[in-house]
Amino acid sequence: MIPVGRARYFLTHDLGTTADKACIFDDKLNLIASEVMDYKTYYPKDGKAVQRPEDWWSVFCRTTENILGKRGIDPHEIAAVACSGHSPSMVPLSADGESILEAVPIYADLSSREEVSKFMESVPEEEFYSMTGAGQVPEQYSLFKMMAFKRENHEGFDRTWKILNTVDYLVYRLTGNVRTDFSQACNTGALD
């Protein structure tokens, strides 16, 4: 095992709309190797855009394995892992940490129009913006995706332990910890 002080590489992953882009940098931030691997977006009906969290994780693991193998880098030489990705999404987890949905809505999913319309009747869009700073198309926010999930799958919603964004899901799979950062939280539509 490499002593902690000798870990000298940084691994980055960016889960984009169509692919995971992984890179390894050395301690001087020189690019050592990169890998891109695609995954699918599904459009099951009008306004829906979903991806499979298991696809994200599978591609994450394979690109990591490939990128380390390209340069013969021992995983213990990785000092840190940084993740970025498309957002907002909505990954509902059960108490055992599994995604309740096989395919989850991503930012391009606009199927929560009904929830947005009802919500905006009581909270005008300008007021919503002043409370949350949320300035994207409202249907993109996790808050409204959660409301649509509750309407479409009440039983699944009742079994939900936590709801994560794309990057938060990867962090959870890597660490077992549920965490987010400001850049992810601000895309939920629920951050004050």
C-alpha atoms as a PDB file:
ATOM      1  CA  MET A   1       0.000   0.000   0.000  1.00  0.00           C
ATOM      2  CA  ILE A   2       1.235   3.495  -0.858  1.00  0.00           C
ATOM      3  CA  PRO A   3       1.771   5.712   2.231  1.00  0.00           C
ATOM      4  CA  VAL A   4      -0.786   8.544   2.437  1.00  0.00           C
ATOM      5  CA  GLY A   5       1.864  11.208   1.851  1.00  0.00           C
ATOM      6  CA  ARG A   6       2.863   9.552  -1.432  1.00  0.00           C
ATOM      7  CA  ALA A   7      -0.560   9.698  -3.073  1.00  0.00           C
ATOM      8  CA  ARG A   8       0.129  11.985  -5.985  1.00  0.00           C
ATOM      9  CA  TYR A   9      -2.701  11.795  -8.480  1.00  0.00           C
ATOM     10  CA  PHE A  10      -6.123  13.396  -8.754  1.00  0.00           C
ATOM     11  CA  LEU A  11      -9.026  11.607 -10.412  1.00  0.00           C
ATOM     12  CA  THR A  12     -11.868  13.657 -11.879  1.00  0.00           C
ATOM     13  CA  HIS A  13     -15.197  12.558 -13.313  1.00  0.00           C
ATOM     14  CA  ASP A  14     -17.744  14.674 -15.164  1.00  0.00           C
ATOM     15  CA  LEU A  15     -21.085  12.977 -15.776  1.00  0.00           C
ATOM     16  CA  GLY A  16     -22.342  14.846 -18.794  1.00  0.00           C
ATOM     17  CA  THR A  17     -25.595  14.492 -20.672  1.00  0.00           C
ATOM     18  CA  THR A  18     -24.314  11.590 -22.774  1.00  0.00           C
ATOM     19  CA  ALA A  19     -21.033  10.374 -21.268  1.00  0.00           C
ATOM     20  CA  ASP A  20     -18.680  10.222 -18.315  1.00  0.00           C
ATOM     21  CA  LYS A  21     -15.431  12.058 -18.905  1.00  0.00           C
ATOM     22  CA  ALA A  22     -12.670  10.893 -16.545  1.00  0.00           C
ATOM     23  CA  CYS A  23      -9.195  12.383 -16.174  1.00  0.00           C
ATOM     24  CA  ILE A  24      -6.103  11.703 -14.077  1.00  0.00           C
ATOM     25  CA  PHE A  25      -3.859  14.634 -13.153  1.00  0.00           C
ATOM     26  CA  ASP A  26      -0.514  14.542 -11.390  1.00  0.00           C
ATOM     27  CA  ASP A  27       0.388  16.669  -8.373  1.00  0.00           C
ATOM     28  CA  LYS A  28       1.402  19.517 -10.722  1.00  0.00           C
ATOM     29  CA  LEU A  29      -2.027  19.291 -12.430  1.00  0.00           C
ATOM     30  CA  ASN A  30      -0.610  17.891 -15.670  1.00  0.00           C
ATOM     31  CA  LEU A  31      -3.117  15.722 -17.514  1.00  0.00           C
ATOM     32  CA  ILE A  32      -1.838  12.138 -17.400  1.00  0.00           C
ATOM     33  CA  ALA A  33      -4.702  10.246 -19.048  1.00  0.00           C
ATOM     34  CA  SER A  34      -8.355  10.611 -19.958  1.00  0.00           C
ATOM     35  CA  GLU A  35     -11.244   8.351 -20.849  1.00  0.00           C
ATOM     36  CA  VAL A  36     -14.758   8.981 -22.183  1.00  0.00           C
ATOM     37  CA  MET A  37     -17.537   6.405 -22.040  1.00  0.00           C
ATOM     38  CA  ASP A  38     -21.127   6.884 -23.193  1.00  0.00           C
ATOM     39  CA  TYR A  39     -24.373   5.982 -21.482  1.00  0.00           C
ATOM     40  CA  LYS A  40     -27.944   6.356 -22.689  1.00  0.00           C
ATOM     41  CA  THR A  41     -30.686   8.858 -22.084  1.00  0.00           C
ATOM     42  CA  TYR A  42     -34.175   7.434 -22.533  1.00  0.00           C
ATOM     43  CA  TYR A  43     -37.209   9.405 -23.707  1.00  0.00           C
ATOM     44  CA  PRO A  44     -40.139   7.114 -22.778  1.00  0.00           C
ATOM     45  CA  LYS A  45     -42.875   9.681 -23.436  1.00  0.00           C
ATOM     46  CA  ASP A  46     -43.381  13.337 -24.280  1.00  0.00           C
ATOM     47  CA  GLY A  47     -41.435  15.576 -21.920  1.00  0.00           C
ATOM     48  CA  LYS A  48     -39.660  12.690 -20.159  1.00  0.00           C
ATOM     49  CA  ALA A  49     -35.866  12.359 -20.141  1.00  0.00           C
ATOM     50  CA  VAL A  50     -34.421   9.701 -17.845  1.00  0.00           C
ATOM     51  CA  GLN A  51     -31.151   7.908 -17.173  1.00  0.00           C
ATOM     52  CA  ARG A  52     -30.254   4.845 -15.129  1.00  0.00           C
ATOM     53  CA  PRO A  53     -28.162   5.533 -11.986  1.00  0.00           C
ATOM     54  CA  GLU A  54     -26.670   2.046 -12.368  1.00  0.00           C
ATOM     55  CA  ASP A  55     -25.387   3.113 -15.802  1.00  0.00           C
ATOM     56  CA  TRP A  56     -23.673   6.132 -14.219  1.00  0.00           C
ATOM     57  CA  TRP A  57     -22.036   3.935 -11.587  1.00  0.00           C
ATOM     58  CA  SER A  58     -21.034   1.200 -14.037  1.00  0.00           C
ATOM     59  CA  VAL A  59     -19.468   3.706 -16.429  1.00  0.00           C
ATOM     60  CA  PHE A  60     -17.791   5.515 -13.505  1.00  0.00           C
ATOM     61  CA  CYS A  61     -16.174   2.243 -12.374  1.00  0.00           C
ATOM     62  CA  ARG A  62     -15.130   1.179 -15.890  1.00  0.00           C
ATOM     63  CA  THR A  63     -13.630   4.552 -16.838  1.00  0.00           C
ATOM     64  CA  THR A  64     -11.744   4.625 -13.533  1.00  0.00           C
ATOM     65  CA  GLU A  65     -10.391   1.116 -14.104  1.00  0.00           C
ATOM     66  CA  ASN A  66      -9.433   1.941 -17.709  1.00  0.00           C
ATOM     67  CA  ILE A  67      -7.769   5.229 -16.885  1.00  0.00           C
ATOM     68  CA  LEU A  68      -5.711   3.766 -14.042  1.00  0.00           C
ATOM     69  CA  GLY A  69      -4.749   0.806 -16.212  1.00  0.00           C
ATOM     70  CA  LYS A  70      -3.575   3.026 -19.093  1.00  0.00           C
ATOM     71  CA  ARG A  71      -0.748   4.372 -16.936  1.00  0.00           C
ATOM     72  CA  GLY A  72      -0.335   1.534 -14.457  1.00  0.00           C
ATOM     73  CA  ILE A  73      -1.421   3.744 -11.563  1.00  0.00           C
ATOM     74  CA  ASP A  74      -2.101   2.021  -8.246  1.00  0.00           C
ATOM     75  CA  PRO A  75      -5.503   3.164  -6.868  1.00  0.00           C
ATOM     76  CA  HIS A  76      -3.761   3.954  -3.570  1.00  0.00           C
ATOM     77  CA  GLU A  77      -1.840   6.683  -5.412  1.00  0.00           C
ATOM     78  CA  ILE A  78      -5.073   8.672  -5.845  1.00  0.00           C
ATOM     79  CA  ALA A  79      -5.045  11.579  -3.387  1.00  0.00           C
ATOM     80  CA  ALA A  80      -8.557  12.830  -4.178  1.00  0.00           C
ATOM     81  CA  VAL A  81     -11.565  12.231  -6.402  1.00  0.00           C
ATOM     82  CA  ALA A  82     -13.612  15.166  -7.719  1.00  0.00           C
ATOM     83  CA  CYS A  83     -17.026  14.730  -9.339  1.00  0.00           C
ATOM     84  CA  SER A  84     -19.136  17.076 -11.406  1.00  0.00           C
ATOM     85  CA  GLY A  85     -22.138  16.392 -13.539  1.00  0.00           C
ATOM     86  CA  HIS A  86     -25.406  17.421 -15.072  1.00  0.00           C
ATOM     87  CA  SER A  87     -27.973  18.769 -12.677  1.00  0.00           C
ATOM     88  CA  PRO A  88     -30.662  18.889 -11.459  1.00  0.00           C
ATOM     89  CA  SER A  89     -31.886  15.342 -11.347  1.00  0.00           C
ATOM     90  CA  MET A  90     -33.830  13.316  -8.802  1.00  0.00           C
ATOM     91  CA  VAL A  91     -32.521   9.993  -7.486  1.00  0.00           C
ATOM     92  CA  PRO A  92     -34.828   8.638  -4.751  1.00  0.00           C
ATOM     93  CA  LEU A  93     -33.040   6.184  -2.453  1.00  0.00           C
ATOM     94  CA  SER A  94     -34.647   3.600  -0.206  1.00  0.00           C
ATOM     95  CA  ALA A  95     -33.424   3.053   3.363  1.00  0.00           C
ATOM     96  CA  ASP A  96     -31.049   0.356   2.059  1.00  0.00           C
ATOM     97  CA  GLY A  97     -29.402   2.921  -0.251  1.00  0.00           C
ATOM     98  CA  GLU A  98     -30.790   1.568  -3.522  1.00  0.00           C
ATOM     99  CA  SER A  99     -32.408   3.729  -6.183  1.00  0.00           C
ATOM    100  CA  ILE A 100     -36.170   3.222  -6.025  1.00  0.00           C
ATOM    101  CA  LEU A 101     -36.464   4.014  -9.727  1.00  0.00           C
ATOM    102  CA  GLU A 102     -34.563   2.093 -12.395  1.00  0.00           C
ATOM    103  CA  ALA A 103     -34.436   5.269 -14.497  1.00  0.00           C
ATOM    104  CA  VAL A 104     -34.557   8.735 -12.933  1.00  0.00           C
ATOM    105  CA  PRO A 105     -35.529  12.136 -14.339  1.00  0.00           C
ATOM    106  CA  ILE A 106     -32.604  14.342 -15.337  1.00  0.00           C
ATOM    107  CA  TYR A 107     -32.472  18.090 -15.962  1.00  0.00           C
ATOM    108  CA  ALA A 108     -33.932  17.709 -19.473  1.00  0.00           C
ATOM    109  CA  ASP A 109     -37.074  16.045 -18.093  1.00  0.00           C
ATOM    110  CA  LEU A 110     -39.904  18.573 -18.260  1.00  0.00           C
ATOM    111  CA  SER A 111     -42.747  16.238 -17.287  1.00  0.00           C
ATOM    112  CA  SER A 112     -43.531  18.071 -14.030  1.00  0.00           C
ATOM    113  CA  ARG A 113     -45.492  20.821 -15.808  1.00  0.00           C
ATOM    114  CA  GLU A 114     -48.636  19.974 -13.825  1.00  0.00           C
ATOM    115  CA  GLU A 115     -46.796  20.383 -10.509  1.00  0.00           C
ATOM    116  CA  VAL A 116     -45.190  23.654 -11.596  1.00  0.00           C
ATOM    117  CA  SER A 117     -48.539  25.052 -12.724  1.00  0.00           C
ATOM    118  CA  LYS A 118     -50.246  24.227  -9.402  1.00  0.00           C
ATOM    119  CA  PHE A 119     -47.308  25.519  -7.375  1.00  0.00           C
ATOM    120  CA  MET A 120     -47.069  28.798  -9.285  1.00  0.00           C
ATOM    121  CA  GLU A 121     -50.775  29.462  -8.604  1.00  0.00           C
ATOM    122  CA  SER A 122     -49.886  29.962  -4.933  1.00  0.00           C
ATOM    123  CA  VAL A 123     -46.279  31.137  -5.299  1.00  0.00           C
ATOM    124  CA  PRO A 124     -45.693  33.425  -8.291  1.00  0.00           C
ATOM    125  CA  GLU A 125     -42.535  32.681 -10.273  1.00  0.00           C
ATOM    126  CA  GLU A 126     -40.961  36.027  -9.257  1.00  0.00           C
ATOM    127  CA  GLU A 127     -41.479  35.190  -5.571  1.00  0.00           C
ATOM    128  CA  PHE A 128     -40.101  31.679  -6.122  1.00  0.00           C
ATOM    129  CA  TYR A 129     -37.023  33.226  -7.710  1.00  0.00           C
ATOM    130  CA  SER A 130     -36.533  35.741  -4.881  1.00  0.00           C
ATOM    131  CA  MET A 131     -36.762  32.925  -2.290  1.00  0.00           C
ATOM    132  CA  THR A 132     -34.548  30.389  -4.040  1.00  0.00           C
ATOM    133  CA  GLY A 133     -32.479  32.239  -6.626  1.00  0.00           C
ATOM    134  CA  ALA A 134     -33.653  29.525  -9.006  1.00  0.00           C
ATOM    135  CA  GLY A 135     -33.682  31.040 -12.473  1.00  0.00           C
ATOM    136  CA  GLN A 136     -33.910  28.059 -14.805  1.00  0.00           C
ATOM    137  CA  VAL A 137     -37.038  26.569 -16.331  1.00  0.00           C
ATOM    138  CA  PRO A 138     -38.987  25.522 -13.188  1.00  0.00           C
ATOM    139  CA  GLU A 139     -39.733  22.026 -14.547  1.00  0.00           C
ATOM    140  CA  GLN A 140     -36.003  21.313 -14.408  1.00  0.00           C
ATOM    141  CA  TYR A 141     -35.748  21.630 -10.624  1.00  0.00           C
ATOM    142  CA  SER A 142     -35.618  18.598  -8.349  1.00  0.00           C
ATOM    143  CA  LEU A 143     -38.435  20.004  -6.193  1.00  0.00           C
ATOM    144  CA  PHE A 144     -40.977  19.645  -8.999  1.00  0.00           C
ATOM    145  CA  LYS A 145     -39.546  16.294 -10.094  1.00  0.00           C
ATOM    146  CA  MET A 146     -40.131  15.110  -6.491  1.00  0.00           C
ATOM    147  CA  MET A 147     -43.735  16.321  -6.631  1.00  0.00           C
ATOM    148  CA  ALA A 148     -44.290  14.491  -9.933  1.00  0.00           C
ATOM    149  CA  PHE A 149     -42.686  11.354  -8.468  1.00  0.00           C
ATOM    150  CA  LYS A 150     -45.104  11.505  -5.532  1.00  0.00           C
ATOM    151  CA  ARG A 151     -48.069  11.853  -7.916  1.00  0.00           C
ATOM    152  CA  GLU A 152     -46.928   9.086 -10.281  1.00  0.00           C
ATOM    153  CA  ASN A 153     -45.531   6.621  -7.724  1.00  0.00           C
ATOM    154  CA  HIS A 154     -46.944   7.322  -4.265  1.00  0.00           C
ATOM    155  CA  GLU A 155     -45.763   3.957  -2.904  1.00  0.00           C
ATOM    156  CA  GLY A 156     -42.210   4.596  -4.130  1.00  0.00           C
ATOM    157  CA  PHE A 157     -42.295   8.103  -2.692  1.00  0.00           C
ATOM    158  CA  ASP A 158     -43.370   6.717   0.699  1.00  0.00           C
ATOM    159  CA  ARG A 159     -40.377   4.328   0.659  1.00  0.00           C
ATOM    160  CA  THR A 160     -37.944   7.162  -0.105  1.00  0.00           C
ATOM    161  CA  TRP A 161     -35.222   7.752   2.480  1.00  0.00           C
ATOM    162  CA  LYS A 162     -33.201  10.453   0.654  1.00  0.00           C
ATOM    163  CA  ILE A 163     -33.360  12.210  -2.705  1.00  0.00           C
ATOM    164  CA  LEU A 164     -30.046  12.978  -4.391  1.00  0.00           C
ATOM    165  CA  ASN A 165     -28.776  14.767  -7.475  1.00  0.00           C
ATOM    166  CA  THR A 166     -26.503  13.029  -9.997  1.00  0.00           C
ATOM    167  CA  VAL A 167     -23.189  14.009  -8.399  1.00  0.00           C
ATOM    168  CA  ASP A 168     -24.507  13.367  -4.886  1.00  0.00           C
ATOM    169  CA  TYR A 169     -25.413   9.835  -5.990  1.00  0.00           C
ATOM    170  CA  LEU A 170     -21.829   9.186  -7.116  1.00  0.00           C
ATOM    171  CA  VAL A 171     -20.464  10.572  -3.849  1.00  0.00           C
ATOM    172  CA  TYR A 172     -22.879   8.317  -1.964  1.00  0.00           C
ATOM    173  CA  ARG A 173     -21.773   5.252  -3.936  1.00  0.00           C
ATOM    174  CA  LEU A 174     -18.109   6.126  -3.324  1.00  0.00           C
ATOM    175  CA  THR A 175     -18.351   6.948   0.378  1.00  0.00           C
ATOM    176  CA  GLY A 176     -21.662   5.736   1.793  1.00  0.00           C
ATOM    177  CA  ASN A 177     -22.304   9.322   2.922  1.00  0.00           C
ATOM    178  CA  VAL A 178     -25.202  11.500   1.797  1.00  0.00           C
ATOM    179  CA  ARG A 179     -23.725  14.903   1.036  1.00  0.00           C
ATOM    180  CA  THR A 180     -24.260  17.776  -1.344  1.00  0.00           C
ATOM    181  CA  ASP A 181     -22.612  21.080  -2.079  1.00  0.00           C
ATOM    182  CA  PHE A 182     -24.002  24.500  -2.882  1.00  0.00           C
ATOM    183  CA  SER A 183     -23.725  24.039  -6.650  1.00  0.00           C
ATOM    184  CA  GLN A 184     -25.953  20.957  -6.438  1.00  0.00           C
ATOM    185  CA  ALA A 185     -28.335  22.249  -3.750  1.00  0.00           C
ATOM    186  CA  CYS A 186     -29.079  25.472  -5.639  1.00  0.00           C
ATOM    187  CA  ASN A 187     -30.452  23.396  -8.520  1.00  0.00           C
ATOM    188  CA  THR A 188     -33.119  21.726  -6.405  1.00  0.00           C
ATOM    189  CA  GLY A 189     -35.483  24.705  -6.255  1.00  0.00           C
ATOM    190  CA  ALA A 190     -35.666  24.083  -2.503  1.00  0.00           C
ATOM    191  CA  LEU A 191     -32.646  26.084  -1.307  1.00  0.00           C
ATOM    192  CA  ASP A 192     -33.384  29.341   0.510  1.00  0.00           C
END
